[in-house]
Structure formats: structure tokens, C-alpha cells
């Protein structure tokens, strides 16, 4: 996959994730502040209800042709495979991983359905 195709595919996925995050905030009653930054970056500030703020960063990494997620629990890398983005370590789907780390950091159950 060339760089242009990767950027297009990753940006499409990031846009879908952003839309899902907006829905998830309303449904889970979670305190998430979602901000899209230039260059394929989504910053999510989480509040666990006890005034402890943390962030989850999702970004496209063009050189590696991956989407990366940075959370309190660690860093995760995802590659497109057969129409879905899967973790390079264990095959966890990207949206499930994002929902999991957000749930861990907010103390609320987060679901990223489309």
C-alpha cells in the first residue's frame, strides 16, 4: 500500500472513530473531551469521576503504515487486515482496544459501535 492510499484509509477510520466517540460519550455518561488535531491525531482527555484526568492519543503513523494508540496501559499498533484494523501483538480489533482503554481510564463502560 502506498503512502497516499494508507493516509486515505487511516483518515477514514479515524473519522469513523471520532463519530463513534461522540455517540459513546452520550451513551456512557463518560467525561471525554475529544479533540481532532492536524496530521491524523485524535486526543481524548478522560476523567475518572474523581478529578483524575488522563489522555488517550490515537494517530496514524505513515512510515509504519499503522494506527497507534497511546494509553495509560501502554502503546498499541494496528495494521489494516481484511477490512479491519488489528493489533500487531495480539490481533485485537482497533475499536475494541480503544473502548477497552477508555473504559479503564474513565471507570465507565465505553462501546464504540458504528
N, C-alpha and C. Protein backbone atom coordinates (compact mmCIF):
# COMPACT_ATOMS: atom_id res chain seq x y z
N UNK A 1 0.86 -1.16 0.00
CA UNK A 1 0.00 0.00 0.00
C UNK A 1 0.91 1.23 0.00
N UNK A 2 0.63 2.15 -0.91
CA UNK A 2 1.46 3.35 -0.95
C UNK A 2 0.99 4.36 0.11
N UNK A 3 1.77 5.41 0.29
CA UNK A 3 1.52 6.39 1.34
C UNK A 3 0.15 7.06 1.19
N UNK A 4 -0.18 7.45 -0.02
CA UNK A 4 -1.46 8.14 -0.27
C UNK A 4 -2.64 7.22 0.10
N UNK A 5 -2.59 5.97 -0.33
CA UNK A 5 -3.66 5.02 -0.02
C UNK A 5 -3.78 4.79 1.49
N UNK A 6 -2.62 4.68 2.15
CA UNK A 6 -2.64 4.48 3.60
C UNK A 6 -3.29 5.67 4.31
N UNK A 7 -2.87 6.88 3.95
CA UNK A 7 -3.41 8.07 4.60
C UNK A 7 -4.92 8.14 4.41
N UNK A 8 -5.37 7.85 3.21
CA UNK A 8 -6.81 7.88 2.93
C UNK A 8 -7.55 6.85 3.78
N UNK A 9 -7.03 5.63 3.85
CA UNK A 9 -7.66 4.57 4.63
C UNK A 9 -7.64 4.89 6.13
N UNK A 10 -6.50 5.36 6.63
CA UNK A 10 -6.38 5.69 8.05
C UNK A 10 -7.28 6.86 8.43
N UNK A 11 -7.32 7.89 7.58
CA UNK A 11 -8.17 9.05 7.88
C UNK A 11 -9.65 8.67 7.88
N UNK A 12 -10.04 7.76 7.02
CA UNK A 12 -11.42 7.28 7.01
C UNK A 12 -11.73 6.56 8.33
N UNK A 13 -10.82 5.73 8.79
CA UNK A 13 -11.01 5.01 10.05
C UNK A 13 -11.05 5.99 11.23
N UNK A 14 -10.16 6.96 11.24
CA UNK A 14 -10.13 7.94 12.32
C UNK A 14 -11.41 8.77 12.36
N UNK A 15 -11.96 9.11 11.21
CA UNK A 15 -13.23 9.85 11.16
C UNK A 15 -14.37 9.01 11.74
N UNK A 16 -14.39 7.72 11.43
CA UNK A 16 -15.42 6.83 11.98
C UNK A 16 -15.27 6.69 13.49
N UNK A 17 -14.02 6.61 13.95
CA UNK A 17 -13.76 6.51 15.39
C UNK A 17 -14.24 7.78 16.09
N UNK A 18 -13.93 8.93 15.50
CA UNK A 18 -14.37 10.19 16.10
C UNK A 18 -15.89 10.26 16.22
N UNK A 19 -16.59 9.84 15.17
CA UNK A 19 -18.06 9.83 15.21
C UNK A 19 -18.57 8.87 16.29
N UNK A 20 -17.92 7.72 16.41
CA UNK A 20 -18.31 6.75 17.44
C UNK A 20 -18.04 7.28 18.84
N UNK A 21 -16.96 8.03 19.00
CA UNK A 21 -16.64 8.60 20.31
C UNK A 21 -17.71 9.58 20.76
N UNK A 22 -18.22 10.38 19.82
CA UNK A 22 -19.28 11.32 20.16
C UNK A 22 -20.51 10.60 20.69
N UNK A 23 -20.89 9.49 20.03
CA UNK A 23 -22.03 8.70 20.49
C UNK A 23 -21.74 8.04 21.83
N UNK A 24 -20.52 7.52 21.98
CA UNK A 24 -20.15 6.81 23.21
C UNK A 24 -20.20 7.73 24.42
N UNK A 25 -19.79 8.97 24.25
CA UNK A 25 -19.82 9.92 25.37
C UNK A 25 -21.24 10.09 25.90
N UNK A 26 -22.18 10.24 24.99
CA UNK A 26 -23.57 10.46 25.38
C UNK A 26 -24.16 9.21 26.04
N UNK A 27 -23.87 8.05 25.49
CA UNK A 27 -24.47 6.81 25.99
C UNK A 27 -23.87 6.36 27.32
N UNK A 28 -22.58 6.56 27.51
CA UNK A 28 -21.92 6.05 28.71
C UNK A 28 -21.89 7.06 29.85
N UNK A 29 -22.36 8.27 29.58
CA UNK A 29 -22.29 9.32 30.58
C UNK A 29 -20.85 9.53 31.03
N UNK A 30 -19.92 9.32 30.10
CA UNK A 30 -18.50 9.45 30.41
C UNK A 30 -18.03 10.87 30.11
N UNK A 31 -17.06 11.31 30.88
CA UNK A 31 -16.48 12.61 30.65
C UNK A 31 -15.27 12.45 29.72
N UNK A 32 -15.53 12.64 28.44
CA UNK A 32 -14.47 12.56 27.44
C UNK A 32 -14.46 13.86 26.66
N UNK A 33 -13.28 14.43 26.52
CA UNK A 33 -13.11 15.62 25.70
C UNK A 33 -12.31 15.19 24.48
N UNK A 34 -12.96 15.14 23.32
CA UNK A 34 -12.33 14.65 22.10
C UNK A 34 -11.92 15.83 21.24
N UNK A 35 -10.65 15.83 20.85
CA UNK A 35 -10.13 16.91 20.01
C UNK A 35 -9.34 16.31 18.85
N UNK A 36 -9.72 16.71 17.64
CA UNK A 36 -9.00 16.27 16.45
C UNK A 36 -7.92 17.29 16.13
N UNK A 37 -6.72 16.79 15.90
CA UNK A 37 -5.57 17.64 15.59
C UNK A 37 -5.12 17.36 14.16
N UNK A 38 -4.41 18.30 13.57
CA UNK A 38 -3.90 18.08 12.21
C UNK A 38 -2.96 16.87 12.15
N UNK A 39 -2.89 16.27 10.98
CA UNK A 39 -1.96 15.16 10.77
C UNK A 39 -2.47 13.81 11.21
N UNK A 40 -3.78 13.68 11.36
CA UNK A 40 -4.33 12.37 11.72
C UNK A 40 -4.18 12.02 13.19
N UNK A 41 -4.48 12.96 14.07
CA UNK A 41 -4.35 12.74 15.51
C UNK A 41 -5.68 13.03 16.20
N UNK A 42 -6.07 12.12 17.09
CA UNK A 42 -7.23 12.34 17.96
C UNK A 42 -6.72 12.28 19.39
N UNK A 43 -6.97 13.34 20.16
CA UNK A 43 -6.64 13.37 21.58
C UNK A 43 -7.93 13.26 22.37
N UNK A 44 -7.94 12.34 23.33
CA UNK A 44 -9.12 12.14 24.16
C UNK A 44 -8.71 12.34 25.61
N UNK A 45 -9.26 13.36 26.24
CA UNK A 45 -9.00 13.57 27.66
C UNK A 45 -10.10 12.88 28.43
N UNK A 46 -9.70 12.03 29.35
CA UNK A 46 -10.64 11.24 30.15
C UNK A 46 -10.65 11.74 31.58
N UNK A 47 -11.81 11.67 32.21
CA UNK A 47 -11.91 11.97 33.62
C UNK A 47 -12.57 10.77 34.29
N UNK A 48 -11.96 10.29 35.35
CA UNK A 48 -12.49 9.09 36.01
C UNK A 48 -13.53 9.38 37.07
N UNK A 49 -14.00 10.64 37.15
CA UNK A 49 -15.02 10.99 38.12
C UNK A 49 -14.47 11.36 39.49
N UNK A 50 -13.17 11.23 39.66
CA UNK A 50 -12.54 11.58 40.93
C UNK A 50 -11.47 12.64 40.66
N UNK A 51 -11.72 13.42 39.62
CA UNK A 51 -10.82 14.51 39.24
C UNK A 51 -9.43 14.04 38.83
N UNK A 52 -9.33 12.83 38.34
CA UNK A 52 -8.07 12.34 37.78
C UNK A 52 -8.20 12.32 36.26
N UNK A 53 -7.50 13.22 35.62
CA UNK A 53 -7.56 13.30 34.16
C UNK A 53 -6.39 12.53 33.56
N UNK A 54 -6.65 11.92 32.43
CA UNK A 54 -5.63 11.22 31.67
C UNK A 54 -5.98 11.36 30.20
N UNK A 55 -5.06 10.98 29.34
CA UNK A 55 -5.31 11.10 27.90
C UNK A 55 -5.11 9.76 27.20
N UNK A 56 -5.82 9.64 26.10
CA UNK A 56 -5.60 8.57 25.12
C UNK A 56 -5.33 9.30 23.81
N UNK A 57 -4.26 8.93 23.15
CA UNK A 57 -3.90 9.55 21.87
C UNK A 57 -3.99 8.48 20.79
N UNK A 58 -4.68 8.81 19.71
CA UNK A 58 -4.80 7.92 18.56
C UNK A 58 -4.22 8.68 17.37
N UNK A 59 -3.30 8.05 16.65
CA UNK A 59 -2.73 8.73 15.50
C UNK A 59 -2.32 7.75 14.41
N UNK A 60 -2.27 8.28 13.21
CA UNK A 60 -1.76 7.47 12.10
C UNK A 60 -0.26 7.66 12.03
N UNK A 61 0.44 6.56 11.81
CA UNK A 61 1.89 6.59 11.67
C UNK A 61 2.19 6.15 10.24
N UNK A 62 2.46 7.14 9.39
CA UNK A 62 2.59 6.89 7.96
C UNK A 62 3.76 5.97 7.64
N UNK A 63 4.93 6.20 8.24
CA UNK A 63 6.11 5.41 7.92
C UNK A 63 5.89 3.92 8.19
N UNK A 64 5.20 3.60 9.29
CA UNK A 64 4.94 2.20 9.65
C UNK A 64 3.67 1.66 9.01
N UNK A 65 2.85 2.56 8.41
CA UNK A 65 1.55 2.19 7.84
C UNK A 65 0.67 1.56 8.91
N UNK A 66 0.62 2.23 10.07
CA UNK A 66 -0.16 1.75 11.21
C UNK A 66 -0.92 2.90 11.86
N UNK A 67 -1.94 2.55 12.63
CA UNK A 67 -2.58 3.49 13.55
C UNK A 67 -2.07 3.11 14.93
N UNK A 68 -1.63 4.12 15.67
CA UNK A 68 -1.09 3.89 17.00
C UNK A 68 -2.03 4.45 18.05
N UNK A 69 -2.12 3.76 19.19
CA UNK A 69 -2.91 4.21 20.33
C UNK A 69 -1.98 4.25 21.54
N UNK A 70 -1.95 5.40 22.21
CA UNK A 70 -1.17 5.54 23.45
C UNK A 70 -2.16 5.75 24.59
N UNK A 71 -2.05 4.92 25.62
CA UNK A 71 -2.94 4.97 26.78
C UNK A 71 -2.13 4.71 28.04
N UNK A 72 -2.77 4.88 29.19
CA UNK A 72 -2.08 4.60 30.45
C UNK A 72 -1.57 3.17 30.50
N UNK A 73 -2.30 2.25 29.90
CA UNK A 73 -1.93 0.83 29.95
C UNK A 73 -0.85 0.45 28.95
N UNK A 74 -0.47 1.38 28.05
CA UNK A 74 0.60 1.07 27.11
C UNK A 74 0.36 1.64 25.72
N UNK A 75 1.23 1.26 24.82
CA UNK A 75 1.12 1.68 23.43
C UNK A 75 0.73 0.48 22.57
N UNK A 76 -0.11 0.74 21.58
CA UNK A 76 -0.65 -0.32 20.74
C UNK A 76 -0.55 0.10 19.28
N UNK A 77 -0.21 -0.85 18.41
CA UNK A 77 -0.07 -0.59 16.98
C UNK A 77 -1.06 -1.47 16.22
N UNK A 78 -1.70 -0.88 15.19
CA UNK A 78 -2.74 -1.58 14.42
C UNK A 78 -2.47 -1.45 12.94
N UNK A 79 -2.66 -2.56 12.21
CA UNK A 79 -2.49 -2.58 10.76
C UNK A 79 -3.80 -3.03 10.11
N UNK A 80 -4.08 -2.50 8.91
CA UNK A 80 -5.29 -2.95 8.21
C UNK A 80 -5.10 -4.37 7.68
N UNK A 81 -6.08 -5.22 7.98
CA UNK A 81 -6.05 -6.60 7.51
C UNK A 81 -7.47 -7.04 7.19
N UNK A 82 -7.71 -7.38 5.95
CA UNK A 82 -9.02 -7.87 5.51
C UNK A 82 -10.16 -6.96 5.93
N UNK A 83 -9.97 -5.65 5.78
CA UNK A 83 -11.04 -4.70 6.04
C UNK A 83 -11.19 -4.23 7.46
N UNK A 84 -10.32 -4.66 8.36
CA UNK A 84 -10.37 -4.19 9.74
C UNK A 84 -8.95 -3.89 10.22
N UNK A 85 -8.85 -3.09 11.26
CA UNK A 85 -7.55 -2.73 11.83
C UNK A 85 -7.31 -3.62 13.03
N UNK A 86 -6.21 -4.40 13.00
CA UNK A 86 -5.92 -5.36 14.06
C UNK A 86 -4.58 -5.06 14.71
N UNK A 87 -4.51 -5.32 16.03
CA UNK A 87 -3.27 -5.10 16.78
C UNK A 87 -2.18 -6.02 16.27
N UNK A 88 -0.99 -5.48 16.17
CA UNK A 88 0.14 -6.27 15.68
C UNK A 88 0.58 -7.30 16.71
N UNK A 89 0.29 -7.08 17.99
CA UNK A 89 0.71 -8.00 19.04
C UNK A 89 -0.23 -9.20 19.20
N UNK A 90 -1.53 -8.90 19.30
CA UNK A 90 -2.46 -9.98 19.66
C UNK A 90 -3.70 -10.07 18.78
N UNK A 91 -3.80 -9.22 17.76
CA UNK A 91 -4.93 -9.28 16.85
C UNK A 91 -6.20 -8.61 17.35
N UNK A 92 -6.14 -7.89 18.47
CA UNK A 92 -7.32 -7.21 18.99
C UNK A 92 -7.76 -6.14 17.99
N UNK A 93 -9.05 -6.06 17.67
CA UNK A 93 -9.53 -5.01 16.76
C UNK A 93 -9.35 -3.62 17.37
N UNK A 94 -9.04 -2.66 16.53
CA UNK A 94 -8.75 -1.29 16.96
C UNK A 94 -9.86 -0.70 17.82
N UNK A 95 -11.09 -0.75 17.35
CA UNK A 95 -12.19 -0.11 18.10
C UNK A 95 -12.42 -0.78 19.45
N UNK A 96 -12.23 -2.10 19.51
CA UNK A 96 -12.36 -2.79 20.80
C UNK A 96 -11.26 -2.34 21.75
N UNK A 97 -10.06 -2.17 21.23
CA UNK A 97 -8.94 -1.72 22.07
C UNK A 97 -9.19 -0.31 22.59
N UNK A 98 -9.68 0.57 21.72
CA UNK A 98 -9.97 1.94 22.15
C UNK A 98 -11.05 1.94 23.23
N UNK A 99 -12.11 1.17 23.01
CA UNK A 99 -13.18 1.08 24.01
C UNK A 99 -12.64 0.55 25.33
N UNK A 100 -11.77 -0.44 25.26
CA UNK A 100 -11.19 -1.04 26.47
C UNK A 100 -10.35 -0.02 27.25
N UNK A 101 -9.44 0.67 26.57
CA UNK A 101 -8.58 1.61 27.30
C UNK A 101 -9.38 2.80 27.82
N UNK A 102 -10.38 3.24 27.08
CA UNK A 102 -11.23 4.33 27.58
C UNK A 102 -12.03 3.88 28.80
N UNK A 103 -12.53 2.66 28.78
CA UNK A 103 -13.26 2.12 29.93
C UNK A 103 -12.34 2.04 31.15
N UNK A 104 -11.11 1.59 30.93
CA UNK A 104 -10.14 1.51 32.03
C UNK A 104 -9.85 2.89 32.61
N UNK A 105 -9.74 3.88 31.75
CA UNK A 105 -9.33 5.21 32.21
C UNK A 105 -10.47 6.05 32.74
N UNK A 106 -11.72 5.73 32.39
CA UNK A 106 -12.85 6.51 32.89
C UNK A 106 -13.61 5.80 34.00
N UNK A 107 -13.49 4.49 34.07
CA UNK A 107 -14.27 3.73 35.03
C UNK A 107 -15.70 3.50 34.56
N UNK A 108 -16.00 3.89 33.33
CA UNK A 108 -17.32 3.68 32.73
C UNK A 108 -17.21 2.67 31.59
N UNK A 109 -18.30 1.99 31.28
CA UNK A 109 -18.28 1.06 30.15
C UNK A 109 -18.47 1.87 28.87
N UNK A 110 -17.47 1.80 28.00
CA UNK A 110 -17.49 2.53 26.73
C UNK A 110 -17.62 1.51 25.60
N UNK A 111 -18.48 1.80 24.66
CA UNK A 111 -18.64 0.97 23.47
C UNK A 111 -18.53 1.85 22.24
N UNK A 112 -17.75 1.40 21.27
CA UNK A 112 -17.60 2.17 20.03
C UNK A 112 -18.32 1.47 18.88
N UNK A 113 -19.63 1.50 18.93
CA UNK A 113 -20.42 0.92 17.84
C UNK A 113 -20.60 1.97 16.75
N UNK A 114 -20.72 1.50 15.54
CA UNK A 114 -20.93 2.42 14.41
C UNK A 114 -22.37 2.45 13.99
